[in-house]
Amino acid sequence: MPAAEAREILQKRSIPTAVVSIPCRLLFEHQDATYKKVVLGTTRARVAVEATVELGWERYIGLEGCFIGMHSFGASGKIADVYKKFEINAEAVVRAAHERWRRLPPSKSSARRSCPGSLM
């Protein structure tokens, strides 16, 4: 799983990271705002990883987030082939997470470093 592998790499680089699994977005949407905030956190450094198109993920990753996945309809095949074609891998997730992390404004406190990024 690219998100879990990316988390291991980022944690080793002292970048706190959380992996959030949302197996059913419809059920997640029925939860209250407090629950969603607890699950997603407050960071803007978010990367979604999904072997499908981005449609709908923008509501969770925000304008500053990044989506790693398919960017067109109609692709099918063995999962390894699809992941390779669309670069759905831990390295792509780590690159995207680093880019989002660097964009966070520096803080006078250590809040920037203590607030984990989210990989979905």
Protein backbone atom coordinates (compact mmCIF):
# COMPACT_ATOMS: atom_id res chain seq x y z
CA MET A 1 0.00 0.00 0.00
CA PRO A 2 1.70 3.22 -1.17
CA ALA A 3 0.32 5.41 1.65
CA ALA A 4 1.57 3.11 4.42
CA GLU A 5 4.96 2.70 2.73
CA ALA A 6 5.23 6.48 2.29
CA ARG A 7 4.38 7.01 5.96
CA GLU A 8 7.27 4.76 7.00
CA ILE A 9 9.68 6.74 4.82
CA LEU A 10 8.39 10.13 6.05
CA GLN A 11 8.47 9.07 9.72
CA LYS A 12 12.12 8.00 9.30
CA ARG A 13 12.78 11.53 7.97
CA SER A 14 11.18 13.01 11.11
CA ILE A 15 8.06 14.17 9.30
CA PRO A 16 5.06 13.17 11.41
CA THR A 17 2.47 11.55 9.19
CA ALA A 18 -0.94 9.94 9.58
CA VAL A 19 -2.56 7.48 7.20
CA VAL A 20 -6.32 7.84 7.03
CA SER A 21 -8.37 5.15 5.33
CA ILE A 22 -11.79 6.15 4.02
CA PRO A 23 -13.18 2.93 2.55
CA CYS A 24 -16.64 4.44 2.06
CA ARG A 25 -16.84 8.16 1.39
CA LEU A 26 -20.63 8.07 1.54
CA LEU A 27 -20.58 6.84 5.15
CA PHE A 28 -17.81 9.30 6.02
CA GLU A 29 -19.92 12.17 4.67
CA HIS A 30 -22.73 11.25 7.04
CA GLN A 31 -20.48 11.85 10.06
CA ASP A 32 -20.56 15.16 11.92
CA ALA A 33 -17.95 17.88 11.39
CA THR A 34 -16.21 17.16 14.71
CA TYR A 35 -15.63 13.53 13.78
CA LYS A 36 -14.31 14.48 10.33
CA LYS A 37 -11.93 17.01 11.85
CA VAL A 38 -10.59 14.44 14.30
CA VAL A 39 -10.05 11.90 11.52
CA LEU A 40 -8.56 14.28 8.95
CA GLY A 41 -6.74 16.61 11.31
CA THR A 42 -6.22 20.28 10.64
CA THR A 43 -3.10 20.25 8.48
CA ARG A 44 -3.24 21.47 4.90
CA ALA A 45 -0.42 19.08 3.93
CA ARG A 46 -2.65 16.34 2.52
CA VAL A 47 -2.11 13.71 -0.14
CA ALA A 48 -4.83 11.32 -1.33
CA VAL A 49 -3.85 8.00 -2.89
CA GLU A 50 -6.42 6.00 -4.82
CA ALA A 51 -6.39 3.67 -7.81
CA THR A 52 -9.25 5.62 -9.36
CA VAL A 53 -9.87 9.14 -10.63
CA GLU A 54 -9.62 12.19 -8.39
CA LEU A 55 -13.32 13.04 -8.56
CA GLY A 56 -14.52 13.83 -5.03
CA TRP A 57 -11.18 13.70 -3.22
CA GLU A 58 -10.71 17.48 -3.45
CA ARG A 59 -13.18 17.95 -0.59
CA TYR A 60 -10.78 16.06 1.70
CA ILE A 61 -7.41 17.25 0.46
CA GLY A 62 -8.39 20.88 -0.12
CA LEU A 63 -6.96 23.32 -2.62
CA GLU A 64 -3.40 22.78 -1.40
CA GLY A 65 -3.57 18.99 -1.38
CA CYS A 66 -2.33 16.54 -3.98
CA PHE A 67 -3.94 13.48 -5.54
CA ILE A 68 -1.87 10.46 -6.55
CA GLY A 69 -3.95 8.21 -8.78
CA MET A 70 -5.59 7.94 -12.16
CA HIS A 71 -6.26 11.16 -14.04
CA SER A 72 -8.42 9.68 -16.78
CA PHE A 73 -11.26 7.22 -17.15
CA GLY A 74 -11.13 3.90 -18.92
CA ALA A 75 -7.84 2.38 -17.78
CA SER A 76 -7.99 -1.18 -16.58
CA GLY A 77 -5.66 -4.09 -16.18
CA LYS A 78 -3.59 -5.82 -13.58
CA ILE A 79 -3.22 -3.61 -10.51
CA ALA A 80 0.58 -3.61 -10.78
CA ASP A 81 0.33 -2.36 -14.38
CA VAL A 82 -2.19 0.34 -13.47
CA TYR A 83 -0.06 1.50 -10.51
CA LYS A 84 3.00 1.67 -12.74
CA LYS A 85 1.24 3.56 -15.56
CA PHE A 86 -0.17 6.20 -13.22
CA GLU A 87 2.84 6.29 -10.86
CA ILE A 88 0.79 5.21 -7.85
CA ASN A 89 3.66 4.36 -5.55
CA ALA A 90 5.29 5.33 -2.28
CA GLU A 91 7.94 7.47 -3.98
CA ALA A 92 5.29 9.64 -5.66
CA VAL A 93 3.45 10.01 -2.35
CA VAL A 94 6.66 10.99 -0.53
CA ARG A 95 7.48 13.59 -3.20
CA ALA A 96 3.97 15.05 -2.99
CA ALA A 97 4.03 15.07 0.81
CA HIS A 98 7.42 16.83 0.88
CA GLU A 99 6.14 19.47 -1.53
CA ARG A 100 3.02 20.10 0.55
CA TRP A 101 5.05 20.10 3.77
CA ARG A 102 7.46 22.71 2.41
CA ARG A 103 4.52 24.97 1.51
CA LEU A 104 3.26 25.13 5.10
CA PRO A 105 4.07 28.49 6.62
CA PRO A 106 6.80 28.43 9.26
CA SER A 107 5.54 28.85 12.78
CA LYS A 108 7.00 30.61 15.80
CA SER A 109 6.20 27.49 17.76
CA SER A 110 6.86 23.93 16.78
CA ALA A 111 3.24 23.49 15.64
CA ARG A 112 4.29 23.07 12.02
CA ARG A 113 6.37 20.04 12.93
CA SER A 114 3.97 18.58 15.47
CA CYS A 115 0.94 18.62 13.22
CA PRO A 116 1.03 15.51 11.08
CA GLY A 117 0.35 15.51 7.41
CA SER A 118 -2.42 13.24 6.21
CA LEU A 119 -2.05 10.53 3.62
CA MET A 120 -5.43 9.17 2.58
